[in-house]
Amino acid sequence: MAATYVVGISGGSGSGKTSFVRALREKLGDQATFISQDDYYFPMETQAVDDKGVHNFDLPTSIDSATMAKEIRQVLAGETVQRQEYTFETVYRDDQEAEGKNEHVSSVLVFKPNPILIVEGLFCFHESELRALMDLTVFVDASDVAKLSRRIKRDRIERALPLEDVLYRYEKHVLPSYETFIKPHKSSCDIVVNNNDSFDAGLNVLLSFLQEKLPK
């Protein structure tokens, strides 16, 4: 089997990188394997809390990137890796009133060797051990207004968080993390995808490039 081509995809919370990756998955199908940092969060009881006692998931230390890198290397070596899906629907919320709402039973994820491996996450460029495994880096970008709007919709609908909690986390956790750990890597990425309104142009460029990496 030819060497796997590894693509890293990152961007700020609300930039649309998850939707971008979902679109890639639909186009590439079983020719690509997808691994997300979202499935490597440490247990909630080990997560850092701020001075108001609110859990902060927007730190590189919230994610087990060492294990993620190890499992990526296993896949690149031709192994199949299994991992329990990590879900935010219950663990993300601190309020007892929200318990039981929007619950989602996690499934077992299977990562198989494929010609293309997509690695996605907030901090996948910040973590040097992960960055070293990538052949191509893609940064999904959007304005602060667009990112906040998407974050509000997601956290209100999917995670049942009150608006005041969403805004607090965005100001105190999300923005500082973006400025410190994510944005500095934008200028060194191979491709920057503008997603204020649509990522279609960037998606088509990346897909055309990846088609050349697939076995003929």
N, C-alpha and C. Protein backbone atom coordinates (compact mmCIF):
# COMPACT_ATOMS: atom_id res chain seq x y z
N MET A 1 0.84 -1.20 0.00
CA MET A 1 0.00 0.00 0.00
C MET A 1 0.87 1.24 0.00
N ALA A 2 0.53 2.22 -0.82
CA ALA A 2 1.30 3.46 -0.89
C ALA A 2 1.16 4.24 0.41
N ALA A 3 2.12 5.10 0.66
CA ALA A 3 2.10 5.90 1.88
C ALA A 3 0.82 6.74 1.95
N THR A 4 0.28 6.84 3.14
CA THR A 4 -0.93 7.64 3.35
C THR A 4 -0.60 9.12 3.32
N TYR A 5 -1.45 9.89 2.66
CA TYR A 5 -1.27 11.35 2.61
C TYR A 5 -2.10 11.96 3.72
N VAL A 6 -1.46 12.70 4.62
CA VAL A 6 -2.12 13.22 5.81
C VAL A 6 -2.43 14.71 5.67
N VAL A 7 -3.70 15.05 5.84
CA VAL A 7 -4.15 16.45 5.77
C VAL A 7 -4.62 16.88 7.15
N GLY A 8 -4.07 17.99 7.65
CA GLY A 8 -4.52 18.55 8.90
C GLY A 8 -5.46 19.72 8.65
N ILE A 9 -6.55 19.77 9.41
CA ILE A 9 -7.53 20.85 9.24
C ILE A 9 -7.83 21.46 10.60
N SER A 10 -7.68 22.78 10.68
CA SER A 10 -7.96 23.48 11.93
C SER A 10 -8.64 24.81 11.63
N GLY A 11 -8.93 25.54 12.71
CA GLY A 11 -9.62 26.83 12.61
C GLY A 11 -10.30 27.11 13.93
N GLY A 12 -10.72 28.32 14.13
CA GLY A 12 -11.36 28.68 15.39
C GLY A 12 -12.71 28.03 15.58
N SER A 13 -13.17 27.98 16.83
CA SER A 13 -14.49 27.46 17.12
C SER A 13 -15.54 28.29 16.39
N GLY A 14 -16.42 27.62 15.63
CA GLY A 14 -17.43 28.32 14.86
C GLY A 14 -16.99 28.69 13.46
N SER A 15 -15.77 28.34 13.09
CA SER A 15 -15.29 28.66 11.74
C SER A 15 -15.94 27.80 10.67
N GLY A 16 -16.49 26.66 11.09
CA GLY A 16 -17.13 25.76 10.13
C GLY A 16 -16.26 24.60 9.73
N LYS A 17 -15.18 24.36 10.47
CA LYS A 17 -14.27 23.28 10.07
C LYS A 17 -14.93 21.90 10.15
N THR A 18 -15.83 21.71 11.12
CA THR A 18 -16.52 20.42 11.22
C THR A 18 -17.42 20.19 10.01
N SER A 19 -18.12 21.22 9.58
CA SER A 19 -18.95 21.10 8.37
C SER A 19 -18.08 20.89 7.14
N PHE A 20 -16.94 21.54 7.11
CA PHE A 20 -16.00 21.39 5.99
C PHE A 20 -15.51 19.94 5.93
N VAL A 21 -15.17 19.39 7.08
CA VAL A 21 -14.70 18.00 7.13
C VAL A 21 -15.83 17.04 6.76
N ARG A 22 -17.04 17.35 7.19
CA ARG A 22 -18.19 16.51 6.83
C ARG A 22 -18.39 16.47 5.31
N ALA A 23 -18.21 17.63 4.68
CA ALA A 23 -18.34 17.69 3.22
C ALA A 23 -17.24 16.88 2.54
N LEU A 24 -16.04 16.95 3.09
CA LEU A 24 -14.94 16.14 2.56
C LEU A 24 -15.26 14.65 2.67
N ARG A 25 -15.81 14.27 3.82
CA ARG A 25 -16.15 12.86 4.04
C ARG A 25 -17.16 12.37 3.01
N GLU A 26 -18.15 13.21 2.72
CA GLU A 26 -19.17 12.84 1.74
C GLU A 26 -18.57 12.64 0.36
N LYS A 27 -17.58 13.44 0.01
CA LYS A 27 -16.97 13.36 -1.32
C LYS A 27 -15.94 12.24 -1.43
N LEU A 28 -15.17 12.04 -0.36
CA LEU A 28 -14.07 11.06 -0.43
C LEU A 28 -14.51 9.65 -0.05
N GLY A 29 -15.57 9.55 0.73
CA GLY A 29 -16.09 8.23 1.10
C GLY A 29 -15.06 7.37 1.80
N ASP A 30 -15.02 6.09 1.40
CA ASP A 30 -14.13 5.15 2.08
C ASP A 30 -12.69 5.19 1.56
N GLN A 31 -12.36 6.23 0.78
CA GLN A 31 -10.98 6.40 0.36
C GLN A 31 -10.16 7.18 1.38
N ALA A 32 -10.85 7.70 2.41
CA ALA A 32 -10.18 8.51 3.41
C ALA A 32 -10.62 8.09 4.81
N THR A 33 -9.72 8.28 5.75
CA THR A 33 -10.01 8.06 7.17
C THR A 33 -10.01 9.42 7.86
N PHE A 34 -10.93 9.60 8.80
CA PHE A 34 -11.08 10.89 9.48
C PHE A 34 -10.89 10.71 10.99
N ILE A 35 -9.98 11.48 11.55
CA ILE A 35 -9.72 11.43 12.99
C ILE A 35 -9.83 12.85 13.54
N SER A 36 -10.66 13.01 14.58
CA SER A 36 -10.92 14.33 15.15
C SER A 36 -10.41 14.42 16.58
N GLN A 37 -9.84 15.57 16.92
CA GLN A 37 -9.43 15.81 18.30
C GLN A 37 -10.61 15.76 19.25
N ASP A 38 -11.81 15.98 18.76
CA ASP A 38 -12.99 15.97 19.62
C ASP A 38 -13.18 14.63 20.33
N ASP A 39 -12.59 13.58 19.80
CA ASP A 39 -12.74 12.26 20.41
C ASP A 39 -11.60 11.91 21.35
N TYR A 40 -10.79 12.90 21.70
CA TYR A 40 -9.64 12.67 22.58
C TYR A 40 -9.64 13.57 23.81
N TYR A 41 -10.81 14.12 24.15
CA TYR A 41 -10.88 14.93 25.36
C TYR A 41 -10.67 14.06 26.60
N PHE A 42 -9.95 14.61 27.56
CA PHE A 42 -9.82 13.95 28.85
C PHE A 42 -11.18 13.97 29.56
N PRO A 43 -11.39 13.08 30.55
CA PRO A 43 -12.67 13.08 31.29
C PRO A 43 -12.94 14.44 31.93
N MET A 44 -14.22 14.75 32.09
CA MET A 44 -14.61 16.06 32.58
C MET A 44 -14.01 16.37 33.95
N GLU A 45 -13.91 15.36 34.81
CA GLU A 45 -13.42 15.62 36.16
C GLU A 45 -11.95 16.04 36.19
N THR A 46 -11.25 15.85 35.09
CA THR A 46 -9.84 16.25 35.03
C THR A 46 -9.65 17.60 34.32
N GLN A 47 -10.73 18.17 33.78
CA GLN A 47 -10.62 19.40 33.01
C GLN A 47 -10.38 20.61 33.93
N ALA A 48 -9.64 21.58 33.40
CA ALA A 48 -9.36 22.80 34.17
C ALA A 48 -10.65 23.60 34.36
N VAL A 49 -10.72 24.32 35.48
CA VAL A 49 -11.84 25.21 35.73
C VAL A 49 -11.29 26.62 35.93
N ASP A 50 -12.09 27.63 35.54
CA ASP A 50 -11.64 29.01 35.71
C ASP A 50 -11.98 29.52 37.11
N ASP A 51 -11.76 30.80 37.36
CA ASP A 51 -11.96 31.32 38.71
C ASP A 51 -13.41 31.38 39.13
N LYS A 52 -14.33 31.12 38.18
CA LYS A 52 -15.75 31.03 38.52
C LYS A 52 -16.23 29.58 38.60
N GLY A 53 -15.28 28.64 38.46
CA GLY A 53 -15.62 27.23 38.56
C GLY A 53 -16.20 26.63 37.31
N VAL A 54 -16.05 27.34 36.17
CA VAL A 54 -16.59 26.85 34.89
C VAL A 54 -15.51 26.03 34.17
N HIS A 55 -15.86 24.84 33.73
CA HIS A 55 -14.90 23.99 33.02
C HIS A 55 -14.48 24.64 31.71
N ASN A 56 -13.19 24.60 31.45
CA ASN A 56 -12.65 25.20 30.22
C ASN A 56 -12.14 24.10 29.29
N PHE A 57 -12.91 23.84 28.24
CA PHE A 57 -12.54 22.82 27.27
C PHE A 57 -11.71 23.41 26.13
N ASP A 58 -11.47 24.71 26.17
CA ASP A 58 -10.78 25.39 25.07
C ASP A 58 -9.31 25.62 25.39
N LEU A 59 -8.66 24.58 25.87
CA LEU A 59 -7.24 24.60 26.16
C LEU A 59 -6.59 23.36 25.56
N PRO A 60 -5.36 23.46 25.07
CA PRO A 60 -4.68 22.27 24.55
C PRO A 60 -4.58 21.15 25.57
N THR A 61 -4.49 21.52 26.86
CA THR A 61 -4.36 20.51 27.92
C THR A 61 -5.66 19.74 28.15
N SER A 62 -6.77 20.16 27.54
CA SER A 62 -8.03 19.44 27.70
C SER A 62 -8.09 18.19 26.83
N ILE A 63 -7.14 18.06 25.91
CA ILE A 63 -7.17 16.98 24.93
C ILE A 63 -5.93 16.10 25.05
N ASP A 64 -6.14 14.80 24.92
CA ASP A 64 -5.05 13.82 24.99
C ASP A 64 -4.39 13.70 23.62
N SER A 65 -3.61 14.70 23.27
CA SER A 65 -2.99 14.73 21.94
C SER A 65 -1.90 13.68 21.79
N ALA A 66 -1.29 13.27 22.89
CA ALA A 66 -0.25 12.24 22.83
C ALA A 66 -0.84 10.91 22.36
N THR A 67 -1.99 10.55 22.93
CA THR A 67 -2.65 9.32 22.50
C THR A 67 -3.15 9.44 21.06
N MET A 68 -3.65 10.60 20.71
CA MET A 68 -4.10 10.83 19.34
C MET A 68 -2.95 10.63 18.36
N ALA A 69 -1.80 11.20 18.65
CA ALA A 69 -0.63 11.04 17.78
C ALA A 69 -0.21 9.58 17.69
N LYS A 70 -0.26 8.89 18.81
CA LYS A 70 0.12 7.46 18.82
C LYS A 70 -0.82 6.65 17.94
N GLU A 71 -2.12 6.91 18.02
CA GLU A 71 -3.08 6.15 17.22
C GLU A 71 -3.01 6.51 15.74
N ILE A 72 -2.68 7.77 15.45
CA ILE A 72 -2.46 8.14 14.04
C ILE A 72 -1.26 7.38 13.48
N ARG A 73 -0.19 7.30 14.26
CA ARG A 73 0.99 6.56 13.80
C ARG A 73 0.66 5.09 13.60
N GLN A 74 -0.22 4.54 14.43
CA GLN A 74 -0.63 3.14 14.25
C GLN A 74 -1.35 2.95 12.92
N VAL A 75 -2.26 3.89 12.61
CA VAL A 75 -2.98 3.82 11.34
C VAL A 75 -2.02 3.96 10.17
N LEU A 76 -1.07 4.88 10.29
CA LEU A 76 -0.09 5.08 9.21
C LEU A 76 0.80 3.85 9.04
N ALA A 77 0.93 3.06 10.10
CA ALA A 77 1.73 1.83 10.03
C ALA A 77 0.92 0.65 9.50
N GLY A 78 -0.36 0.88 9.16
CA GLY A 78 -1.18 -0.17 8.57
C GLY A 78 -2.12 -0.85 9.54
N GLU A 79 -2.22 -0.37 10.77
CA GLU A 79 -3.10 -0.97 11.77
C GLU A 79 -4.49 -0.34 11.73
N THR A 80 -5.47 -1.09 12.21
CA THR A 80 -6.81 -0.57 12.41
C THR A 80 -6.99 -0.27 13.89
N VAL A 81 -7.46 0.93 14.20
CA VAL A 81 -7.60 1.37 15.58
C VAL A 81 -9.06 1.63 15.90
N GLN A 82 -9.48 1.22 17.09
CA GLN A 82 -10.84 1.49 17.54
C GLN A 82 -10.81 2.45 18.74
N ARG A 83 -11.80 3.33 18.80
CA ARG A 83 -11.88 4.31 19.89
C ARG A 83 -13.34 4.63 20.16
N GLN A 84 -13.67 4.77 21.43
CA GLN A 84 -15.03 5.16 21.80
C GLN A 84 -15.26 6.63 21.44
N GLU A 85 -16.35 6.91 20.75
CA GLU A 85 -16.70 8.28 20.40
C GLU A 85 -16.92 9.10 21.66
N TYR A 86 -16.43 10.33 21.65
CA TYR A 86 -16.63 11.25 22.78
C TYR A 86 -17.79 12.17 22.44
N THR A 87 -18.78 12.26 23.33
CA THR A 87 -19.92 13.11 23.07
C THR A 87 -20.04 14.20 24.13
N PHE A 88 -20.42 15.39 23.68
CA PHE A 88 -20.53 16.55 24.57
C PHE A 88 -21.93 16.73 25.17
N GLU A 89 -22.91 16.03 24.67
CA GLU A 89 -24.29 16.35 25.01
C GLU A 89 -24.55 16.35 26.51
N THR A 90 -23.88 15.47 27.25
CA THR A 90 -24.10 15.43 28.69
C THR A 90 -22.90 15.92 29.47
N VAL A 91 -21.67 15.63 29.02
CA VAL A 91 -20.51 15.97 29.82
C VAL A 91 -20.17 17.45 29.76
N TYR A 92 -20.57 18.13 28.70
CA TYR A 92 -20.21 19.53 28.53
C TYR A 92 -20.98 20.43 29.49
N ARG A 93 -22.20 20.04 29.86
CA ARG A 93 -23.05 20.91 30.64
C ARG A 93 -22.81 20.72 32.12
N ASP A 94 -22.82 21.83 32.85
CA ASP A 94 -22.66 21.80 34.29
C ASP A 94 -24.01 21.85 35.01
N ASP A 95 -25.04 22.33 34.35
CA ASP A 95 -26.32 22.52 35.02
C ASP A 95 -27.08 21.21 35.13
N GLN A 96 -27.58 20.91 36.31
CA GLN A 96 -28.30 19.67 36.54
C GLN A 96 -29.62 19.64 35.78
N GLU A 97 -30.23 20.81 35.57
CA GLU A 97 -31.52 20.87 34.90
C GLU A 97 -31.46 20.31 33.50
N ALA A 98 -30.27 20.41 32.86
CA ALA A 98 -30.15 19.97 31.47
C ALA A 98 -29.90 18.48 31.34
N GLU A 99 -29.68 17.80 32.47
CA GLU A 99 -29.35 16.38 32.39
C GLU A 99 -30.51 15.62 31.74
N GLY A 100 -30.14 14.72 30.87
CA GLY A 100 -31.14 13.89 30.21
C GLY A 100 -31.64 14.46 28.91
N LYS A 101 -31.31 15.73 28.61
CA LYS A 101 -31.77 16.34 27.36
C LYS A 101 -30.75 16.10 26.25
N ASN A 102 -31.24 15.82 25.07
CA ASN A 102 -30.37 15.66 23.90
C ASN A 102 -29.29 14.61 24.12
N GLU A 103 -29.57 13.61 24.91
CA GLU A 103 -28.55 12.59 25.16
C GLU A 103 -28.27 11.81 23.89
N HIS A 104 -27.01 11.44 23.75
CA HIS A 104 -26.58 10.73 22.55
C HIS A 104 -25.69 9.57 22.99
N VAL A 105 -26.04 8.39 22.58
CA VAL A 105 -25.24 7.23 22.94
C VAL A 105 -24.03 7.17 22.01
N SER A 106 -22.85 7.17 22.59
CA SER A 106 -21.64 7.17 21.77
C SER A 106 -21.45 5.81 21.11
N SER A 107 -20.75 5.82 20.00
CA SER A 107 -20.49 4.59 19.26
C SER A 107 -18.99 4.35 19.20
N VAL A 108 -18.63 3.19 18.70
CA VAL A 108 -17.22 2.85 18.55
C VAL A 108 -16.75 3.31 17.18
N LEU A 109 -15.70 4.13 17.16
CA LEU A 109 -15.12 4.61 15.92
C LEU A 109 -14.04 3.65 15.46
N VAL A 110 -13.96 3.42 14.17
CA VAL A 110 -12.96 2.53 13.60
C VAL A 110 -12.11 3.32 12.61
N PHE A 111 -10.82 3.40 12.88
CA PHE A 111 -9.89 4.12 12.01
C PHE A 111 -9.06 3.10 11.23
N LYS A 112 -9.29 3.04 9.92
CA LYS A 112 -8.60 2.08 9.07
C LYS A 112 -7.58 2.77 8.17
N PRO A 113 -6.53 2.07 7.79
CA PRO A 113 -5.56 2.63 6.83
C PRO A 113 -6.25 2.93 5.50
N ASN A 114 -5.97 4.10 4.95
CA ASN A 114 -6.53 4.52 3.68
C ASN A 114 -5.53 5.41 2.97
N PRO A 115 -5.74 5.66 1.66
CA PRO A 115 -4.80 6.52 0.94
C PRO A 115 -4.70 7.93 1.51
N ILE A 116 -5.82 8.42 2.12
CA ILE A 116 -5.84 9.77 2.68
C ILE A 116 -6.31 9.71 4.12
N LEU A 117 -5.64 10.46 4.97
CA LEU A 117 -6.03 10.57 6.38
C LEU A 117 -6.27 12.04 6.69
N ILE A 118 -7.46 12.36 7.16
CA ILE A 118 -7.82 13.73 7.54
C ILE A 118 -7.77 13.84 9.06
N VAL A 119 -6.95 14.75 9.56
CA VAL A 119 -6.82 14.99 11.00
C VAL A 119 -7.39 16.37 11.29
N GLU A 120 -8.38 16.44 12.17
CA GLU A 120 -9.09 17.71 12.39
C GLU A 120 -9.15 18.05 13.87
N GLY A 121 -9.00 19.35 14.17
CA GLY A 121 -9.14 19.77 15.56
C GLY A 121 -8.65 21.17 15.81
N LEU A 122 -9.09 21.74 16.93
CA LEU A 122 -8.70 23.09 17.30
C LEU A 122 -7.19 23.25 17.42
N PHE A 123 -6.55 22.25 18.03
CA PHE A 123 -5.13 22.40 18.40
C PHE A 123 -4.20 21.46 17.63
N CYS A 124 -4.66 20.98 16.48
CA CYS A 124 -3.83 19.99 15.78
C CYS A 124 -2.59 20.61 15.14
N PHE A 125 -2.53 21.93 14.99
CA PHE A 125 -1.30 22.58 14.52
C PHE A 125 -0.45 23.04 15.69
N HIS A 126 -1.08 23.33 16.80
CA HIS A 126 -0.35 23.76 18.00
C HIS A 126 0.50 22.63 18.57
N GLU A 127 -0.03 21.41 18.50
CA GLU A 127 0.69 20.25 19.05
C GLU A 127 1.72 19.78 18.03
N SER A 128 2.99 19.99 18.35
CA SER A 128 4.06 19.69 17.39
C SER A 128 4.11 18.22 17.00
N GLU A 129 3.74 17.33 17.93
CA GLU A 129 3.77 15.90 17.63
C GLU A 129 2.74 15.55 16.55
N LEU A 130 1.61 16.24 16.56
CA LEU A 130 0.60 16.03 15.52
C LEU A 130 1.00 16.72 14.22
N ARG A 131 1.46 17.95 14.34
CA ARG A 131 1.83 18.73 13.16
C ARG A 131 2.90 18.02 12.34
N ALA A 132 3.80 17.34 13.00
CA ALA A 132 4.89 16.66 12.30
C ALA A 132 4.40 15.52 11.42
N LEU A 133 3.19 15.03 11.67
CA LEU A 133 2.66 13.90 10.90
C LEU A 133 1.93 14.35 9.63
N MET A 134 1.74 15.65 9.45
CA MET A 134 0.91 16.16 8.36
C MET A 134 1.71 16.53 7.12
N ASP A 135 1.13 16.19 5.97
CA ASP A 135 1.73 16.55 4.68
C ASP A 135 1.17 17.88 4.16
N LEU A 136 -0.07 18.20 4.54
CA LEU A 136 -0.74 19.41 4.08
C LEU A 136 -1.55 19.98 5.22
N THR A 137 -1.53 21.32 5.37
CA THR A 137 -2.29 21.95 6.44
C THR A 137 -3.32 22.91 5.86
N VAL A 138 -4.55 22.85 6.39
CA VAL A 138 -5.66 23.66 5.91
C VAL A 138 -6.26 24.41 7.10
N PHE A 139 -6.40 25.72 6.96
CA PHE A 139 -6.99 26.55 8.01
C PHE A 139 -8.33 27.08 7.52
N VAL A 140 -9.41 26.73 8.22
CA VAL A 140 -10.74 27.22 7.88
C VAL A 140 -10.97 28.50 8.68
N ASP A 141 -11.22 29.60 7.99
CA ASP A 141 -11.28 30.91 8.61
C ASP A 141 -12.66 31.53 8.44
N ALA A 142 -13.03 32.40 9.40
CA ALA A 142 -14.29 33.14 9.32
C ALA A 142 -14.18 34.35 10.23
N SER A 143 -15.04 35.32 10.02
CA SER A 143 -15.04 36.52 10.84
C SER A 143 -15.48 36.19 12.26
N ASP A 144 -15.15 37.07 13.20
CA ASP A 144 -15.56 36.87 14.59
C ASP A 144 -17.08 36.84 14.71
N VAL A 145 -17.77 37.67 13.93
CA VAL A 145 -19.23 37.71 13.97
C VAL A 145 -19.82 36.37 13.52
N ALA A 146 -19.30 35.83 12.43
CA ALA A 146 -19.80 34.55 11.91
C ALA A 146 -19.53 33.42 12.89
N LYS A 147 -18.33 33.42 13.48
CA LYS A 147 -17.98 32.35 14.43
C LYS A 147 -18.84 32.40 15.67
N LEU A 148 -19.07 33.60 16.21
CA LEU A 148 -19.91 33.71 17.40
C LEU A 148 -21.34 33.28 17.10
N SER A 149 -21.87 33.69 15.97
CA SER A 149 -23.24 33.31 15.60
C SER A 149 -23.38 31.79 15.52
N ARG A 150 -22.42 31.13 14.89
CA ARG A 150 -22.48 29.67 14.77
C ARG A 150 -22.32 28.99 16.13
N ARG A 151 -21.44 29.55 16.96
CA ARG A 151 -21.22 28.99 18.29
C ARG A 151 -22.50 29.07 19.13
N ILE A 152 -23.18 30.20 19.05
CA ILE A 152 -24.42 30.36 19.80
C ILE A 152 -25.46 29.33 19.35
N LYS A 153 -25.62 29.18 18.04
CA LYS A 153 -26.60 28.21 17.52
C LYS A 153 -26.26 26.80 17.97
N ARG A 154 -24.99 26.43 17.88
CA ARG A 154 -24.59 25.07 18.24
C ARG A 154 -24.79 24.80 19.72
N ASP A 155 -24.28 25.68 20.57
CA ASP A 155 -24.34 25.43 22.02
C ASP A 155 -25.75 25.55 22.57
N ARG A 156 -26.57 26.39 21.96
CA ARG A 156 -27.95 26.50 22.43
C ARG A 156 -28.77 25.28 22.01
N ILE A 157 -28.56 24.79 20.79
CA ILE A 157 -29.36 23.69 20.27
C ILE A 157 -28.81 22.33 20.67
N GLU A 158 -27.50 22.10 20.41
CA GLU A 158 -26.92 20.78 20.62
C GLU A 158 -26.55 20.52 22.08
N ARG A 159 -26.17 21.57 22.82
CA ARG A 159 -25.68 21.36 24.18
C ARG A 159 -26.57 21.97 25.25
N ALA A 160 -27.68 22.56 24.81
CA ALA A 160 -28.70 23.08 25.72
C ALA A 160 -28.15 24.07 26.74
N LEU A 161 -27.17 24.86 26.33
CA LEU A 161 -26.58 25.85 27.23
C LEU A 161 -27.36 27.17 27.17
N PRO A 162 -27.58 27.81 28.31
CA PRO A 162 -28.21 29.13 28.30
C PRO A 162 -27.33 30.12 27.55
N LEU A 163 -27.96 31.14 26.95
CA LEU A 163 -27.22 32.12 26.16
C LEU A 163 -26.12 32.79 26.98
N GLU A 164 -26.40 33.12 28.22
CA GLU A 164 -25.39 33.80 29.03
C GLU A 164 -24.16 32.91 29.24
N ASP A 165 -24.37 31.61 29.34
CA ASP A 165 -23.24 30.69 29.47
C ASP A 165 -22.42 30.64 28.19
N VAL A 166 -23.12 30.62 27.06
CA VAL A 166 -22.43 30.58 25.77
C VAL A 166 -21.55 31.82 25.60
N LEU A 167 -22.11 32.98 25.90
CA LEU A 167 -21.37 34.23 25.75
C LEU A 167 -20.21 34.31 26.73
N TYR A 168 -20.41 33.82 27.95
CA TYR A 168 -19.34 33.82 28.94
C TYR A 168 -18.17 32.95 28.47
N ARG A 169 -18.48 31.73 28.04
CA ARG A 169 -17.42 30.82 27.58
C ARG A 169 -16.70 31.37 26.35
N TYR A 170 -17.47 32.02 25.47
CA TYR A 170 -16.85 32.56 24.26
C TYR A 170 -15.85 33.66 24.62
N GLU A 171 -16.24 34.56 25.51
CA GLU A 171 -15.37 35.67 25.87
C GLU A 171 -14.19 35.24 26.73
N LYS A 172 -14.44 34.34 27.69
CA LYS A 172 -13.41 33.99 28.66
C LYS A 172 -12.54 32.81 28.25
N HIS A 173 -13.09 31.92 27.42
CA HIS A 173 -12.36 30.71 27.05
C HIS A 173 -12.00 30.67 25.56
N VAL A 174 -13.03 30.81 24.71
CA VAL A 174 -12.85 30.59 23.27
C VAL A 174 -11.92 31.62 22.64
N LEU A 175 -12.20 32.90 22.85
CA LEU A 175 -11.39 33.95 22.22
C LEU A 175 -9.93 33.94 22.68
N PRO A 176 -9.67 33.89 23.99
CA PRO A 176 -8.26 33.85 24.42
C PRO A 176 -7.51 32.65 23.85
N SER A 177 -8.19 31.50 23.80
CA SER A 177 -7.56 30.30 23.26
C SER A 177 -7.24 30.46 21.78
N TYR A 178 -8.20 31.03 21.03
CA TYR A 178 -7.99 31.23 19.59
C TYR A 178 -6.77 32.13 19.34
N GLU A 179 -6.69 33.24 20.06
CA GLU A 179 -5.60 34.18 19.87
C GLU A 179 -4.25 33.57 20.24
N THR A 180 -4.23 32.70 21.23
CA THR A 180 -2.96 32.15 21.74
C THR A 180 -2.52 30.88 21.02
N PHE A 181 -3.46 29.96 20.78
CA PHE A 181 -3.08 28.62 20.33
C PHE A 181 -3.46 28.28 18.89
N ILE A 182 -4.34 29.04 18.28
CA ILE A 182 -4.88 28.67 16.96
C ILE A 182 -4.49 29.67 15.88
N LYS A 183 -4.86 30.92 16.06
CA LYS A 183 -4.61 31.96 15.06
C LYS A 183 -3.14 32.08 14.64
N PRO A 184 -2.17 31.95 15.56
CA PRO A 184 -0.77 32.09 15.16
C PRO A 184 -0.32 31.12 14.07
N HIS A 185 -1.05 30.03 13.87
CA HIS A 185 -0.65 29.02 12.87
C HIS A 185 -1.25 29.28 11.49
N LYS A 186 -2.17 30.23 11.43
CA LYS A 186 -2.85 30.51 10.16
C LYS A 186 -1.87 30.90 9.06
N SER A 187 -0.92 31.75 9.38
CA SER A 187 0.00 32.26 8.35
C SER A 187 0.93 31.20 7.79
N SER A 188 1.11 30.10 8.51
CA SER A 188 2.01 29.05 8.04
C SER A 188 1.28 27.89 7.36
N CYS A 189 -0.03 27.98 7.25
CA CYS A 189 -0.80 26.89 6.63
C CYS A 189 -0.69 26.94 5.11
N ASP A 190 -0.82 25.78 4.51
CA ASP A 190 -0.71 25.67 3.05
C ASP A 190 -1.93 26.26 2.35
N ILE A 191 -3.11 26.06 2.94
CA ILE A 191 -4.36 26.55 2.35
C ILE A 191 -5.19 27.23 3.43
N VAL A 192 -5.71 28.42 3.13
CA VAL A 192 -6.65 29.10 4.03
C VAL A 192 -7.99 29.18 3.32
N VAL A 193 -9.02 28.61 3.92
CA VAL A 193 -10.36 28.58 3.34
C VAL A 193 -11.22 29.63 4.02
N ASN A 194 -11.71 30.59 3.24
CA ASN A 194 -12.59 31.63 3.76
C ASN A 194 -14.01 31.08 3.85
N ASN A 195 -14.56 31.07 5.06
CA ASN A 195 -15.89 30.50 5.25
C ASN A 195 -16.84 31.45 5.96
N ASN A 196 -16.82 32.73 5.57
CA ASN A 196 -17.82 33.65 6.10
C ASN A 196 -19.21 33.29 5.61
N ASP A 197 -19.30 32.94 4.34
CA ASP A 197 -20.59 32.58 3.75
C ASP A 197 -20.61 31.15 3.23
N SER A 198 -19.54 30.74 2.58
CA SER A 198 -19.49 29.41 1.99
C SER A 198 -18.04 28.97 1.84
N PHE A 199 -17.81 27.66 2.05
CA PHE A 199 -16.46 27.13 1.86
C PHE A 199 -16.33 26.35 0.56
N ASP A 200 -17.32 26.46 -0.32
CA ASP A 200 -17.38 25.62 -1.52
C ASP A 200 -16.14 25.77 -2.40
N ALA A 201 -15.68 27.00 -2.60
CA ALA A 201 -14.52 27.21 -3.47
C ALA A 201 -13.29 26.51 -2.90
N GLY A 202 -13.05 26.69 -1.60
CA GLY A 202 -11.91 26.05 -0.96
C GLY A 202 -12.03 24.54 -0.95
N LEU A 203 -13.24 24.06 -0.74
CA LEU A 203 -13.48 22.61 -0.76
C LEU A 203 -13.14 22.01 -2.11
N ASN A 204 -13.57 22.66 -3.18
CA ASN A 204 -13.31 22.16 -4.53
C ASN A 204 -11.82 22.15 -4.86
N VAL A 205 -11.12 23.18 -4.40
CA VAL A 205 -9.66 23.22 -4.62
C VAL A 205 -8.98 22.06 -3.91
N LEU A 206 -9.35 21.84 -2.66
CA LEU A 206 -8.73 20.75 -1.90
C LEU A 206 -9.09 19.39 -2.48
N LEU A 207 -10.33 19.20 -2.87
CA LEU A 207 -10.74 17.92 -3.45
C LEU A 207 -10.00 17.63 -4.75
N SER A 208 -9.83 18.64 -5.58
CA SER A 208 -9.10 18.44 -6.84
C SER A 208 -7.66 18.01 -6.56
N PHE A 209 -7.07 18.63 -5.57
CA PHE A 209 -5.70 18.28 -5.20
C PHE A 209 -5.62 16.85 -4.64
N LEU A 210 -6.57 16.49 -3.79
CA LEU A 210 -6.53 15.17 -3.16
C LEU A 210 -6.82 14.05 -4.16
N GLN A 211 -7.59 14.36 -5.19
CA GLN A 211 -7.85 13.34 -6.22
C GLN A 211 -6.55 12.84 -6.84
N GLU A 212 -5.57 13.73 -6.92
CA GLU A 212 -4.28 13.35 -7.48
C GLU A 212 -3.50 12.42 -6.56
N LYS A 213 -3.88 12.39 -5.29
CA LYS A 213 -3.18 11.55 -4.32
C LYS A 213 -3.78 10.15 -4.21
N LEU A 214 -4.92 9.94 -4.85
CA LEU A 214 -5.59 8.66 -4.78
C LEU A 214 -4.99 7.69 -5.80
N PRO A 215 -4.99 6.40 -5.48
CA PRO A 215 -4.47 5.39 -6.43
C PRO A 215 -5.24 5.43 -7.74
N LYS A 216 -4.50 5.31 -8.82
CA LYS A 216 -5.13 5.34 -10.14
C LYS A 216 -5.67 3.95 -10.50
